[in-house]
Amino acid sequence: MTTSEKLDKEKVFRLVLEEAFADGRLTFREMDLISDFRRVLNLSHEAHEGIFKETAHRFKSGELSVCSAFDKLGLYRRVLAIADADGVIDVTERHLLDSVCILLGLSDEERSAIEAETAFGSD
């Protein structure tokens, strides 16, 4: 397993930005959520700016397709898939997953349903 396969705070932030950019515009709610994620993940200003610029460029170049509005359940599925890619959720990944759920406002039922859809949910 390489470090690039592990879930880390930069990957979580990148996924949040990709989801926020998905419909082609950033709403005030999405900007607030991005700010909350940056704060909770304790990202430096430089990391935030770099990931934001990279994601905006990928969107403008067409690498990220335009689709529906922000999908908090879909975002949690993507984050969970990365965390569970090696079949083990370590302490850091669990903390990041907990933070994502809180920031997205996922209920325990929503979280449990998503986790039950994956191999992670069957452990």
PDB file of N, CA and C in Angstrom:
ATOM      1  N   MET A   1       0.838  -1.175   0.000  1.00  0.00           N
ATOM      2  CA  MET A   1       0.000   0.000   0.000  1.00  0.00           C
ATOM      3  C   MET A   1       0.880   1.234   0.000  1.00  0.00           C
ATOM      4  N   THR A   2       0.571   2.183  -0.850  1.00  0.00           N
ATOM      5  CA  THR A   2       1.321   3.434  -0.902  1.00  0.00           C
ATOM      6  C   THR A   2       0.572   4.502  -0.129  1.00  0.00           C
ATOM      7  N   THR A   3       1.313   5.551   0.234  1.00  0.00           N
ATOM      8  CA  THR A   3       0.673   6.632   0.975  1.00  0.00           C
ATOM      9  C   THR A   3      -0.387   7.322   0.140  1.00  0.00           C
ATOM     10  N   SER A   4      -0.261   7.302  -1.172  1.00  0.00           N
ATOM     11  CA  SER A   4      -1.245   7.965  -2.017  1.00  0.00           C
ATOM     12  C   SER A   4      -2.609   7.280  -1.936  1.00  0.00           C
ATOM     13  N   GLU A   5      -2.655   6.039  -1.460  1.00  0.00           N
ATOM     14  CA  GLU A   5      -3.920   5.326  -1.345  1.00  0.00           C
ATOM     15  C   GLU A   5      -4.610   5.585  -0.014  1.00  0.00           C
ATOM     16  N   LYS A   6      -3.921   6.188   0.940  1.00  0.00           N
ATOM     17  CA  LYS A   6      -4.505   6.454   2.246  1.00  0.00           C
ATOM     18  C   LYS A   6      -5.336   7.737   2.195  1.00  0.00           C
ATOM     19  N   LEU A   7      -6.377   7.748   2.991  1.00  0.00           N
ATOM     20  CA  LEU A   7      -7.193   8.948   3.121  1.00  0.00           C
ATOM     21  C   LEU A   7      -6.443   9.929   4.000  1.00  0.00           C
ATOM     22  N   ASP A   8      -6.309  11.153   3.538  1.00  0.00           N
ATOM     23  CA  ASP A   8      -5.707  12.196   4.362  1.00  0.00           C
ATOM     24  C   ASP A   8      -6.529  13.471   4.208  1.00  0.00           C
ATOM     25  N   LYS A   9      -6.184  14.473   4.991  1.00  0.00           N
ATOM     26  CA  LYS A   9      -7.000  15.676   5.016  1.00  0.00           C
ATOM     27  C   LYS A   9      -7.004  16.413   3.680  1.00  0.00           C
ATOM     28  N   GLU A  10      -5.910  16.361   2.935  1.00  0.00           N
ATOM     29  CA  GLU A  10      -5.883  17.003   1.625  1.00  0.00           C
ATOM     30  C   GLU A  10      -6.827  16.309   0.644  1.00  0.00           C
ATOM     31  N   LYS A  11      -6.881  14.974   0.696  1.00  0.00           N
ATOM     32  CA  LYS A  11      -7.797  14.235  -0.178  1.00  0.00           C
ATOM     33  C   LYS A  11      -9.248  14.541   0.163  1.00  0.00           C
ATOM     34  N   VAL A  12      -9.545  14.604   1.456  1.00  0.00           N
ATOM     35  CA  VAL A  12     -10.910  14.948   1.874  1.00  0.00           C
ATOM     36  C   VAL A  12     -11.271  16.328   1.349  1.00  0.00           C
ATOM     37  N   PHE A  13     -10.383  17.286   1.527  1.00  0.00           N
ATOM     38  CA  PHE A  13     -10.654  18.650   1.080  1.00  0.00           C
ATOM     39  C   PHE A  13     -10.834  18.701  -0.437  1.00  0.00           C
ATOM     40  N   ARG A  14     -10.009  17.966  -1.156  1.00  0.00           N
ATOM     41  CA  ARG A  14     -10.116  17.922  -2.624  1.00  0.00           C
ATOM     42  C   ARG A  14     -11.479  17.354  -3.040  1.00  0.00           C
ATOM     43  N   LEU A  15     -11.925  16.300  -2.379  1.00  0.00           N
ATOM     44  CA  LEU A  15     -13.228  15.715  -2.698  1.00  0.00           C
ATOM     45  C   LEU A  15     -14.368  16.685  -2.404  1.00  0.00           C
ATOM     46  N   VAL A  16     -14.252  17.421  -1.298  1.00  0.00           N
ATOM     47  CA  VAL A  16     -15.269  18.426  -0.965  1.00  0.00           C
ATOM     48  C   VAL A  16     -15.330  19.480  -2.066  1.00  0.00           C
ATOM     49  N   LEU A  17     -14.178  19.952  -2.496  1.00  0.00           N
ATOM     50  CA  LEU A  17     -14.149  20.965  -3.558  1.00  0.00           C
ATOM     51  C   LEU A  17     -14.697  20.418  -4.871  1.00  0.00           C
ATOM     52  N   GLU A  18     -14.331  19.201  -5.224  1.00  0.00           N
ATOM     53  CA  GLU A  18     -14.851  18.608  -6.462  1.00  0.00           C
ATOM     54  C   GLU A  18     -16.371  18.524  -6.418  1.00  0.00           C
ATOM     55  N   GLU A  19     -16.904  18.145  -5.278  1.00  0.00           N
ATOM     56  CA  GLU A  19     -18.360  18.055  -5.136  1.00  0.00           C
ATOM     57  C   GLU A  19     -18.987  19.449  -5.216  1.00  0.00           C
ATOM     58  N   ALA A  20     -18.362  20.427  -4.587  1.00  0.00           N
ATOM     59  CA  ALA A  20     -18.898  21.790  -4.607  1.00  0.00           C
ATOM     60  C   ALA A  20     -18.872  22.371  -6.023  1.00  0.00           C
ATOM     61  N   PHE A  21     -17.850  22.064  -6.797  1.00  0.00           N
ATOM     62  CA  PHE A  21     -17.736  22.561  -8.164  1.00  0.00           C
ATOM     63  C   PHE A  21     -18.628  21.797  -9.144  1.00  0.00           C
ATOM     64  N   ALA A  22     -19.174  20.666  -8.728  1.00  0.00           N
ATOM     65  CA  ALA A  22     -19.852  19.741  -9.644  1.00  0.00           C
ATOM     66  C   ALA A  22     -20.994  20.367 -10.445  1.00  0.00           C
ATOM     67  N   ASP A  23     -21.711  21.309  -9.868  1.00  0.00           N
ATOM     68  CA  ASP A  23     -22.836  21.894 -10.598  1.00  0.00           C
ATOM     69  C   ASP A  23     -22.457  23.180 -11.324  1.00  0.00           C
ATOM     70  N   GLY A  24     -21.174  23.517 -11.313  1.00  0.00           N
ATOM     71  CA  GLY A  24     -20.707  24.667 -12.071  1.00  0.00           C
ATOM     72  C   GLY A  24     -20.749  25.987 -11.341  1.00  0.00           C
ATOM     73  N   ARG A  25     -21.166  25.979 -10.096  1.00  0.00           N
ATOM     74  CA  ARG A  25     -21.194  27.223  -9.332  1.00  0.00           C
ATOM     75  C   ARG A  25     -21.001  26.912  -7.854  1.00  0.00           C
ATOM     76  N   LEU A  26     -20.482  27.895  -7.130  1.00  0.00           N
ATOM     77  CA  LEU A  26     -20.315  27.752  -5.692  1.00  0.00           C
ATOM     78  C   LEU A  26     -21.360  28.619  -5.001  1.00  0.00           C
ATOM     79  N   THR A  27     -22.208  28.003  -4.224  1.00  0.00           N
ATOM     80  CA  THR A  27     -23.212  28.746  -3.466  1.00  0.00           C
ATOM     81  C   THR A  27     -22.583  29.260  -2.177  1.00  0.00           C
ATOM     82  N   PHE A  28     -23.286  30.168  -1.515  1.00  0.00           N
ATOM     83  CA  PHE A  28     -22.799  30.648  -0.218  1.00  0.00           C
ATOM     84  C   PHE A  28     -22.696  29.495   0.769  1.00  0.00           C
ATOM     85  N   ARG A  29     -23.666  28.577   0.741  1.00  0.00           N
ATOM     86  CA  ARG A  29     -23.633  27.411   1.636  1.00  0.00           C
ATOM     87  C   ARG A  29     -22.397  26.557   1.371  1.00  0.00           C
ATOM     88  N   GLU A  30     -22.079  26.331   0.093  1.00  0.00           N
ATOM     89  CA  GLU A  30     -20.891  25.542  -0.249  1.00  0.00           C
ATOM     90  C   GLU A  30     -19.620  26.261   0.181  1.00  0.00           C
ATOM     91  N   MET A  31     -19.568  27.583   0.006  1.00  0.00           N
ATOM     92  CA  MET A  31     -18.386  28.333   0.439  1.00  0.00           C
ATOM     93  C   MET A  31     -18.217  28.241   1.954  1.00  0.00           C
ATOM     94  N   ASP A  32     -19.343  28.316   2.696  1.00  0.00           N
ATOM     95  CA  ASP A  32     -19.279  28.148   4.155  1.00  0.00           C
ATOM     96  C   ASP A  32     -18.783  26.755   4.518  1.00  0.00           C
ATOM     97  N   LEU A  33     -19.297  25.738   3.818  1.00  0.00           N
ATOM     98  CA  LEU A  33     -18.888  24.365   4.090  1.00  0.00           C
ATOM     99  C   LEU A  33     -17.399  24.172   3.794  1.00  0.00           C
ATOM    100  N   ILE A  34     -16.920  24.734   2.699  1.00  0.00           N
ATOM    101  CA  ILE A  34     -15.499  24.663   2.348  1.00  0.00           C
ATOM    102  C   ILE A  34     -14.666  25.299   3.463  1.00  0.00           C
ATOM    103  N   SER A  35     -15.108  26.450   3.937  1.00  0.00           N
ATOM    104  CA  SER A  35     -14.410  27.134   5.025  1.00  0.00           C
ATOM    105  C   SER A  35     -14.405  26.287   6.294  1.00  0.00           C
ATOM    106  N   ASP A  36     -15.546  25.668   6.604  1.00  0.00           N
ATOM    107  CA  ASP A  36     -15.618  24.795   7.778  1.00  0.00           C
ATOM    108  C   ASP A  36     -14.670  23.610   7.656  1.00  0.00           C
ATOM    109  N   PHE A  37     -14.636  22.986   6.469  1.00  0.00           N
ATOM    110  CA  PHE A  37     -13.733  21.856   6.259  1.00  0.00           C
ATOM    111  C   PHE A  37     -12.284  22.292   6.418  1.00  0.00           C
ATOM    112  N   ARG A  38     -11.936  23.440   5.853  1.00  0.00           N
ATOM    113  CA  ARG A  38     -10.558  23.917   5.957  1.00  0.00           C
ATOM    114  C   ARG A  38     -10.176  24.077   7.427  1.00  0.00           C
ATOM    115  N   ARG A  39     -11.076  24.661   8.216  1.00  0.00           N
ATOM    116  CA  ARG A  39     -10.802  24.899   9.633  1.00  0.00           C
ATOM    117  C   ARG A  39     -10.676  23.582  10.398  1.00  0.00           C
ATOM    118  N   VAL A  40     -11.653  22.694  10.223  1.00  0.00           N
ATOM    119  CA  VAL A  40     -11.651  21.426  10.969  1.00  0.00           C
ATOM    120  C   VAL A  40     -10.482  20.535  10.559  1.00  0.00           C
ATOM    121  N   LEU A  41     -10.144  20.550   9.273  1.00  0.00           N
ATOM    122  CA  LEU A  41      -9.024  19.733   8.806  1.00  0.00           C
ATOM    123  C   LEU A  41      -7.678  20.382   9.114  1.00  0.00           C
ATOM    124  N   ASN A  42      -7.727  21.626   9.599  1.00  0.00           N
ATOM    125  CA  ASN A  42      -6.517  22.361   9.946  1.00  0.00           C
ATOM    126  C   ASN A  42      -5.552  22.463   8.760  1.00  0.00           C
ATOM    127  N   LEU A  43      -6.115  22.817   7.602  1.00  0.00           N
ATOM    128  CA  LEU A  43      -5.284  22.998   6.411  1.00  0.00           C
ATOM    129  C   LEU A  43      -4.630  24.366   6.438  1.00  0.00           C
ATOM    130  N   SER A  44      -3.389  24.420   6.029  1.00  0.00           N
ATOM    131  CA  SER A  44      -2.711  25.709   5.933  1.00  0.00           C
ATOM    132  C   SER A  44      -3.331  26.525   4.797  1.00  0.00           C
ATOM    133  N   HIS A  45      -3.121  27.812   4.862  1.00  0.00           N
ATOM    134  CA  HIS A  45      -3.621  28.694   3.801  1.00  0.00           C
ATOM    135  C   HIS A  45      -3.042  28.266   2.451  1.00  0.00           C
ATOM    136  N   GLU A  46      -1.770  27.910   2.442  1.00  0.00           N
ATOM    137  CA  GLU A  46      -1.109  27.501   1.200  1.00  0.00           C
ATOM    138  C   GLU A  46      -1.729  26.227   0.632  1.00  0.00           C
ATOM    139  N   ALA A  47      -1.978  25.244   1.495  1.00  0.00           N
ATOM    140  CA  ALA A  47      -2.597  23.992   1.038  1.00  0.00           C
ATOM    141  C   ALA A  47      -3.997  24.267   0.508  1.00  0.00           C
ATOM    142  N   HIS A  48      -4.767  25.064   1.235  1.00  0.00           N
ATOM    143  CA  HIS A  48      -6.121  25.417   0.809  1.00  0.00           C
ATOM    144  C   HIS A  48      -6.097  26.073  -0.565  1.00  0.00           C
ATOM    145  N   GLU A  49      -5.271  27.094  -0.713  1.00  0.00           N
ATOM    146  CA  GLU A  49      -5.188  27.820  -1.989  1.00  0.00           C
ATOM    147  C   GLU A  49      -4.745  26.911  -3.125  1.00  0.00           C
ATOM    148  N   GLY A  50      -3.739  26.081  -2.871  1.00  0.00           N
ATOM    149  CA  GLY A  50      -3.235  25.184  -3.910  1.00  0.00           C
ATOM    150  C   GLY A  50      -4.289  24.201  -4.384  1.00  0.00           C
ATOM    151  N   ILE A  51      -4.984  23.566  -3.434  1.00  0.00           N
ATOM    152  CA  ILE A  51      -6.016  22.593  -3.793  1.00  0.00           C
ATOM    153  C   ILE A  51      -7.184  23.293  -4.471  1.00  0.00           C
ATOM    154  N   PHE A  52      -7.562  24.470  -3.983  1.00  0.00           N
ATOM    155  CA  PHE A  52      -8.661  25.224  -4.589  1.00  0.00           C
ATOM    156  C   PHE A  52      -8.335  25.591  -6.037  1.00  0.00           C
ATOM    157  N   LYS A  53      -7.147  26.136  -6.258  1.00  0.00           N
ATOM    158  CA  LYS A  53      -6.745  26.528  -7.623  1.00  0.00           C
ATOM    159  C   LYS A  53      -6.670  25.316  -8.546  1.00  0.00           C
ATOM    160  N   GLU A  54      -6.118  24.219  -8.053  1.00  0.00           N
ATOM    161  CA  GLU A  54      -6.020  22.998  -8.852  1.00  0.00           C
ATOM    162  C   GLU A  54      -7.414  22.493  -9.244  1.00  0.00           C
ATOM    163  N   THR A  55      -8.324  22.474  -8.289  1.00  0.00           N
ATOM    164  CA  THR A  55      -9.680  21.985  -8.554  1.00  0.00           C
ATOM    165  C   THR A  55     -10.412  22.907  -9.511  1.00  0.00           C
ATOM    166  N   ALA A  56     -10.283  24.220  -9.314  1.00  0.00           N
ATOM    167  CA  ALA A  56     -10.917  25.183 -10.227  1.00  0.00           C
ATOM    168  C   ALA A  56     -10.375  25.006 -11.643  1.00  0.00           C
ATOM    169  N   HIS A  57      -9.069  24.810 -11.770  1.00  0.00           N
ATOM    170  CA  HIS A  57      -8.461  24.599 -13.092  1.00  0.00           C
ATOM    171  C   HIS A  57      -8.986  23.316 -13.731  1.00  0.00           C
ATOM    172  N   ARG A  58      -9.072  22.251 -12.948  1.00  0.00           N
ATOM    173  CA  ARG A  58      -9.585  20.980 -13.477  1.00  0.00           C
ATOM    174  C   ARG A  58     -11.030  21.125 -13.936  1.00  0.00           C
ATOM    175  N   PHE A  59     -11.819  21.902 -13.206  1.00  0.00           N
ATOM    176  CA  PHE A  59     -13.205  22.130 -13.599  1.00  0.00           C
ATOM    177  C   PHE A  59     -13.263  22.930 -14.899  1.00  0.00           C
ATOM    178  N   LYS A  60     -12.514  24.043 -14.965  1.00  0.00           N
ATOM    179  CA  LYS A  60     -12.526  24.907 -16.152  1.00  0.00           C
ATOM    180  C   LYS A  60     -12.011  24.188 -17.384  1.00  0.00           C
ATOM    181  N   SER A  61     -11.073  23.262 -17.210  1.00  0.00           N
ATOM    182  CA  SER A  61     -10.510  22.538 -18.351  1.00  0.00           C
ATOM    183  C   SER A  61     -11.409  21.391 -18.811  1.00  0.00           C
ATOM    184  N   GLY A  62     -12.480  21.127 -18.054  1.00  0.00           N
ATOM    185  CA  GLY A  62     -13.410  20.068 -18.427  1.00  0.00           C
ATOM    186  C   GLY A  62     -13.084  18.717 -17.836  1.00  0.00           C
ATOM    187  N   GLU A  63     -12.020  18.636 -17.053  1.00  0.00           N
ATOM    188  CA  GLU A  63     -11.649  17.361 -16.433  1.00  0.00           C
ATOM    189  C   GLU A  63     -12.707  16.914 -15.421  1.00  0.00           C
ATOM    190  N   LEU A  64     -13.313  17.889 -14.739  1.00  0.00           N
ATOM    191  CA  LEU A  64     -14.411  17.597 -13.821  1.00  0.00           C
ATOM    192  C   LEU A  64     -15.700  17.969 -14.537  1.00  0.00           C
ATOM    193  N   SER A  65     -16.599  17.039 -14.634  1.00  0.00           N
ATOM    194  CA  SER A  65     -17.817  17.311 -15.389  1.00  0.00           C
ATOM    195  C   SER A  65     -18.853  18.027 -14.533  1.00  0.00           C
ATOM    196  N   VAL A  66     -19.701  18.770 -15.223  1.00  0.00           N
ATOM    197  CA  VAL A  66     -20.794  19.454 -14.558  1.00  0.00           C
ATOM    198  C   VAL A  66     -21.921  18.456 -14.352  1.00  0.00           C
ATOM    199  N   CYS A  67     -22.429  18.389 -13.159  1.00  0.00           N
ATOM    200  CA  CYS A  67     -23.539  17.486 -12.871  1.00  0.00           C
ATOM    201  C   CYS A  67     -24.483  18.153 -11.885  1.00  0.00           C
ATOM    202  N   SER A  68     -25.110  17.391 -11.079  1.00  0.00           N
ATOM    203  CA  SER A  68     -26.155  17.905 -10.192  1.00  0.00           C
ATOM    204  C   SER A  68     -25.594  18.726  -9.033  1.00  0.00           C
ATOM    205  N   ALA A  69     -26.509  19.191  -8.206  1.00  0.00           N
ATOM    206  CA  ALA A  69     -26.154  19.973  -7.029  1.00  0.00           C
ATOM    207  C   ALA A  69     -25.359  19.121  -6.036  1.00  0.00           C
ATOM    208  N   PHE A  70     -24.843  19.773  -5.026  1.00  0.00           N
ATOM    209  CA  PHE A  70     -24.017  19.143  -3.995  1.00  0.00           C
ATOM    210  C   PHE A  70     -24.715  17.903  -3.444  1.00  0.00           C
ATOM    211  N   ASP A  71     -23.998  16.804  -3.439  1.00  0.00           N
ATOM    212  CA  ASP A  71     -24.547  15.520  -2.990  1.00  0.00           C
ATOM    213  C   ASP A  71     -23.771  15.049  -1.774  1.00  0.00           C
ATOM    214  N   LYS A  72     -24.280  15.362  -0.585  1.00  0.00           N
ATOM    215  CA  LYS A  72     -23.541  15.025   0.642  1.00  0.00           C
ATOM    216  C   LYS A  72     -23.410  13.523   0.834  1.00  0.00           C
ATOM    217  N   LEU A  73     -24.422  12.754   0.436  1.00  0.00           N
ATOM    218  CA  LEU A  73     -24.333  11.298   0.587  1.00  0.00           C
ATOM    219  C   LEU A  73     -23.311  10.717  -0.390  1.00  0.00           C
ATOM    220  N   GLY A  74     -23.314  11.225  -1.610  1.00  0.00           N
ATOM    221  CA  GLY A  74     -22.332  10.782  -2.601  1.00  0.00           C
ATOM    222  C   GLY A  74     -20.916  11.121  -2.179  1.00  0.00           C
ATOM    223  N   LEU A  75     -20.746  12.301  -1.595  1.00  0.00           N
ATOM    224  CA  LEU A  75     -19.429  12.706  -1.115  1.00  0.00           C
ATOM    225  C   LEU A  75     -18.955  11.767  -0.009  1.00  0.00           C
ATOM    226  N   TYR A  76     -19.838  11.444   0.936  1.00  0.00           N
ATOM    227  CA  TYR A  76     -19.422  10.528   2.009  1.00  0.00           C
ATOM    228  C   TYR A  76     -19.073   9.152   1.435  1.00  0.00           C
ATOM    229  N   ARG A  77     -19.812   8.698   0.438  1.00  0.00           N
ATOM    230  CA  ARG A  77     -19.482   7.408  -0.204  1.00  0.00           C
ATOM    231  C   ARG A  77     -18.076   7.448  -0.797  1.00  0.00           C
ATOM    232  N   ARG A  78     -17.731   8.550  -1.467  1.00  0.00           N
ATOM    233  CA  ARG A  78     -16.404   8.677  -2.082  1.00  0.00           C
ATOM    234  C   ARG A  78     -15.301   8.697  -1.024  1.00  0.00           C
ATOM    235  N   VAL A  79     -15.517   9.451   0.042  1.00  0.00           N
ATOM    236  CA  VAL A  79     -14.524   9.522   1.118  1.00  0.00           C
ATOM    237  C   VAL A  79     -14.365   8.154   1.780  1.00  0.00           C
ATOM    238  N   LEU A  80     -15.478   7.488   2.055  1.00  0.00           N
ATOM    239  CA  LEU A  80     -15.448   6.165   2.673  1.00  0.00           C
ATOM    240  C   LEU A  80     -14.731   5.148   1.775  1.00  0.00           C
ATOM    241  N   ALA A  81     -14.967   5.223   0.475  1.00  0.00           N
ATOM    242  CA  ALA A  81     -14.321   4.282  -0.449  1.00  0.00           C
ATOM    243  C   ALA A  81     -12.804   4.418  -0.401  1.00  0.00           C
ATOM    244  N   ILE A  82     -12.309   5.636  -0.310  1.00  0.00           N
ATOM    245  CA  ILE A  82     -10.861   5.832  -0.216  1.00  0.00           C
ATOM    246  C   ILE A  82     -10.346   5.314   1.121  1.00  0.00           C
ATOM    247  N   ALA A  83     -11.055   5.633   2.189  1.00  0.00           N
ATOM    248  CA  ALA A  83     -10.620   5.187   3.516  1.00  0.00           C
ATOM    249  C   ALA A  83     -10.589   3.669   3.610  1.00  0.00           C
ATOM    250  N   ASP A  84     -11.538   3.017   2.959  1.00  0.00           N
ATOM    251  CA  ASP A  84     -11.680   1.556   3.071  1.00  0.00           C
ATOM    252  C   ASP A  84     -10.988   0.793   1.942  1.00  0.00           C
ATOM    253  N   ALA A  85     -10.257   1.502   1.092  1.00  0.00           N
ATOM    254  CA  ALA A  85      -9.635   0.865  -0.071  1.00  0.00           C
ATOM    255  C   ALA A  85      -8.725  -0.298   0.304  1.00  0.00           C
ATOM    256  N   ASP A  86      -8.059  -0.182   1.441  1.00  0.00           N
ATOM    257  CA  ASP A  86      -7.151  -1.256   1.875  1.00  0.00           C
ATOM    258  C   ASP A  86      -7.828  -2.217   2.845  1.00  0.00           C
ATOM    259  N   GLY A  87      -9.118  -2.021   3.090  1.00  0.00           N
ATOM    260  CA  GLY A  87      -9.850  -2.907   3.985  1.00  0.00           C
ATOM    261  C   GLY A  87      -9.668  -2.600   5.457  1.00  0.00           C
ATOM    262  N   VAL A  88      -8.927  -1.534   5.764  1.00  0.00           N
ATOM    263  CA  VAL A  88      -8.669  -1.155   7.150  1.00  0.00           C
ATOM    264  C   VAL A  88      -8.915   0.341   7.306  1.00  0.00           C
ATOM    265  N   ILE A  89      -9.735   0.689   8.292  1.00  0.00           N
ATOM    266  CA  ILE A  89      -9.939   2.095   8.629  1.00  0.00           C
ATOM    267  C   ILE A  89      -9.071   2.375   9.853  1.00  0.00           C
ATOM    268  N   ASP A  90      -7.982   3.151   9.636  1.00  0.00           N
ATOM    269  CA  ASP A  90      -7.112   3.437  10.778  1.00  0.00           C
ATOM    270  C   ASP A  90      -7.677   4.608  11.589  1.00  0.00           C
ATOM    271  N   VAL A  91      -7.021   4.936  12.675  1.00  0.00           N
ATOM    272  CA  VAL A  91      -7.509   5.961  13.598  1.00  0.00           C
ATOM    273  C   VAL A  91      -7.630   7.319  12.907  1.00  0.00           C
ATOM    274  N   THR A  92      -6.646   7.682  12.110  1.00  0.00           N
ATOM    275  CA  THR A  92      -6.687   8.963  11.401  1.00  0.00           C
ATOM    276  C   THR A  92      -7.844   8.998  10.420  1.00  0.00           C
ATOM    277  N   GLU A  93      -8.025   7.914   9.676  1.00  0.00           N
ATOM    278  CA  GLU A  93      -9.126   7.849   8.718  1.00  0.00           C
ATOM    279  C   GLU A  93     -10.477   7.904   9.443  1.00  0.00           C
ATOM    280  N   ARG A  94     -10.597   7.216  10.564  1.00  0.00           N
ATOM    281  CA  ARG A  94     -11.854   7.240  11.334  1.00  0.00           C
ATOM    282  C   ARG A  94     -12.165   8.657  11.788  1.00  0.00           C
ATOM    283  N   HIS A  95     -11.133   9.368  12.245  1.00  0.00           N
ATOM    284  CA  HIS A  95     -11.319  10.754  12.676  1.00  0.00           C
ATOM    285  C   HIS A  95     -11.794  11.616  11.493  1.00  0.00           C
ATOM    286  N   LEU A  96     -11.178  11.434  10.333  1.00  0.00           N
ATOM    287  CA  LEU A  96     -11.587  12.195   9.153  1.00  0.00           C
ATOM    288  C   LEU A  96     -13.024  11.855   8.750  1.00  0.00           C
ATOM    289  N   LEU A  97     -13.379  10.577   8.800  1.00  0.00           N
ATOM    290  CA  LEU A  97     -14.751  10.170   8.478  1.00  0.00           C
ATOM    291  C   LEU A  97     -15.741  10.793   9.457  1.00  0.00           C
ATOM    292  N   ASP A  98     -15.399  10.791  10.732  1.00  0.00           N
ATOM    293  CA  ASP A  98     -16.272  11.412  11.738  1.00  0.00           C
ATOM    294  C   ASP A  98     -16.448  12.896  11.447  1.00  0.00           C
ATOM    295  N   SER A  99     -15.358  13.573  11.117  1.00  0.00           N
ATOM    296  CA  SER A  99     -15.423  15.002  10.806  1.00  0.00           C
ATOM    297  C   SER A  99     -16.280  15.267   9.578  1.00  0.00           C
ATOM    298  N   VAL A 100     -16.121  14.442   8.557  1.00  0.00           N
ATOM    299  CA  VAL A 100     -16.913  14.604   7.334  1.00  0.00           C
ATOM    300  C   VAL A 100     -18.402  14.471   7.658  1.00  0.00           C
ATOM    301  N   CYS A 101     -18.761  13.469   8.431  1.00  0.00           N
ATOM    302  CA  CYS A 101     -20.173  13.259   8.793  1.00  0.00           C
ATOM    303  C   CYS A 101     -20.739  14.456   9.551  1.00  0.00           C
ATOM    304  N   ILE A 102     -19.982  14.959  10.488  1.00  0.00           N
ATOM    305  CA  ILE A 102     -20.442  16.104  11.273  1.00  0.00           C
ATOM    306  C   ILE A 102     -20.610  17.325  10.376  1.00  0.00           C
ATOM    307  N   LEU A 103     -19.604  17.622   9.568  1.00  0.00           N
ATOM    308  CA  LEU A 103     -19.662  18.812   8.718  1.00  0.00           C
ATOM    309  C   LEU A 103     -20.758  18.727   7.659  1.00  0.00           C
ATOM    310  N   LEU A 104     -21.012  17.529   7.174  1.00  0.00           N
ATOM    311  CA  LEU A 104     -22.069  17.361   6.172  1.00  0.00           C
ATOM    312  C   LEU A 104     -23.455  17.272   6.811  1.00  0.00           C
ATOM    313  N   GLY A 105     -23.485  17.116   8.120  1.00  0.00           N
ATOM    314  CA  GLY A 105     -24.759  16.998   8.810  1.00  0.00           C
ATOM    315  C   GLY A 105     -25.455  15.676   8.547  1.00  0.00           C
ATOM    316  N   LEU A 106     -24.669  14.618   8.364  1.00  0.00           N
ATOM    317  CA  LEU A 106     -25.265  13.302   8.132  1.00  0.00           C
ATOM    318  C   LEU A 106     -25.835  12.753   9.427  1.00  0.00           C
ATOM    319  N   SER A 107     -27.014  12.201   9.342  1.00  0.00           N
ATOM    320  CA  SER A 107     -27.612  11.547  10.508  1.00  0.00           C
ATOM    321  C   SER A 107     -26.922  10.195  10.714  1.00  0.00           C
ATOM    322  N   ASP A 108     -27.096   9.642  11.892  1.00  0.00           N
ATOM    323  CA  ASP A 108     -26.553   8.314  12.173  1.00  0.00           C
ATOM    324  C   ASP A 108     -27.141   7.288  11.203  1.00  0.00           C
ATOM    325  N   GLU A 109     -28.415   7.467  10.872  1.00  0.00           N
ATOM    326  CA  GLU A 109     -29.085   6.544   9.946  1.00  0.00           C
ATOM    327  C   GLU A 109     -28.476   6.628   8.549  1.00  0.00           C
ATOM    328  N   GLU A 110     -28.238   7.861   8.070  1.00  0.00           N
ATOM    329  CA  GLU A 110     -27.629   8.031   6.739  1.00  0.00           C
ATOM    330  C   GLU A 110     -26.233   7.409   6.718  1.00  0.00           C
ATOM    331  N   ARG A 111     -25.456   7.698   7.749  1.00  0.00           N
ATOM    332  CA  ARG A 111     -24.097   7.159   7.823  1.00  0.00           C
ATOM    333  C   ARG A 111     -24.122   5.634   7.864  1.00  0.00           C
ATOM    334  N   SER A 112     -24.958   5.068   8.704  1.00  0.00           N
ATOM    335  CA  SER A 112     -25.045   3.610   8.825  1.00  0.00           C
ATOM    336  C   SER A 112     -25.474   2.965   7.516  1.00  0.00           C
ATOM    337  N   ALA A 113     -26.423   3.587   6.832  1.00  0.00           N
ATOM    338  CA  ALA A 113     -26.903   3.034   5.562  1.00  0.00           C
ATOM    339  C   ALA A 113     -25.784   3.023   4.525  1.00  0.00           C
ATOM    340  N   ILE A 114     -25.028   4.086   4.451  1.00  0.00           N
ATOM    341  CA  ILE A 114     -23.914   4.166   3.486  1.00  0.00           C
ATOM    342  C   ILE A 114     -22.840   3.132   3.849  1.00  0.00           C
ATOM    343  N   GLU A 115     -22.496   3.054   5.113  1.00  0.00           N
ATOM    344  CA  GLU A 115     -21.463   2.108   5.540  1.00  0.00           C
ATOM    345  C   GLU A 115     -21.916   0.664   5.350  1.00  0.00           C
ATOM    346  N   ALA A 116     -23.216   0.420   5.472  1.00  0.00           N
ATOM    347  CA  ALA A 116     -23.741  -0.941   5.252  1.00  0.00           C
ATOM    348  C   ALA A 116     -23.667  -1.334   3.784  1.00  0.00           C
ATOM    349  N   GLU A 117     -23.633  -0.354   2.876  1.00  0.00           N
ATOM    350  CA  GLU A 117     -23.539  -0.632   1.436  1.00  0.00           C
ATOM    351  C   GLU A 117     -22.161  -1.137   1.046  1.00  0.00           C
ATOM    352  N   THR A 118     -21.181  -0.925   1.895  1.00  0.00           N
ATOM    353  CA  THR A 118     -19.785  -1.239   1.573  1.00  0.00           C
ATOM    354  C   THR A 118     -19.316  -2.458   2.351  1.00  0.00           C
ATOM    355  N   ALA A 119     -18.193  -2.970   1.954  1.00  0.00           N
ATOM    356  CA  ALA A 119     -17.561  -4.066   2.710  1.00  0.00           C
ATOM    357  C   ALA A 119     -17.241  -3.599   4.119  1.00  0.00           C
ATOM    358  N   PHE A 120     -16.962  -2.288   4.268  1.00  0.00           N
ATOM    359  CA  PHE A 120     -16.678  -1.717   5.578  1.00  0.00           C
ATOM    360  C   PHE A 120     -17.838  -1.957   6.524  1.00  0.00           C
ATOM    361  N   GLY A 121     -19.058  -1.797   6.014  1.00  0.00           N
ATOM    362  CA  GLY A 121     -20.244  -1.963   6.840  1.00  0.00           C
ATOM    363  C   GLY A 121     -20.479  -3.385   7.280  1.00  0.00           C
ATOM    364  N   SER A 122     -19.839  -4.345   6.620  1.00  0.00           N
ATOM    365  CA  SER A 122     -20.070  -5.746   6.974  1.00  0.00           C
ATOM    366  C   SER A 122     -19.027  -6.313   7.904  1.00  0.00           C
ATOM    367  N   ASP A 123     -18.040  -5.485   8.309  1.00  0.00           N
ATOM    368  CA  ASP A 123     -16.998  -5.968   9.239  1.00  0.00           C
ATOM    369  C   ASP A 123     -17.555  -6.164  10.619  1.00  0.00           C
TER     370      ASP A 123
END
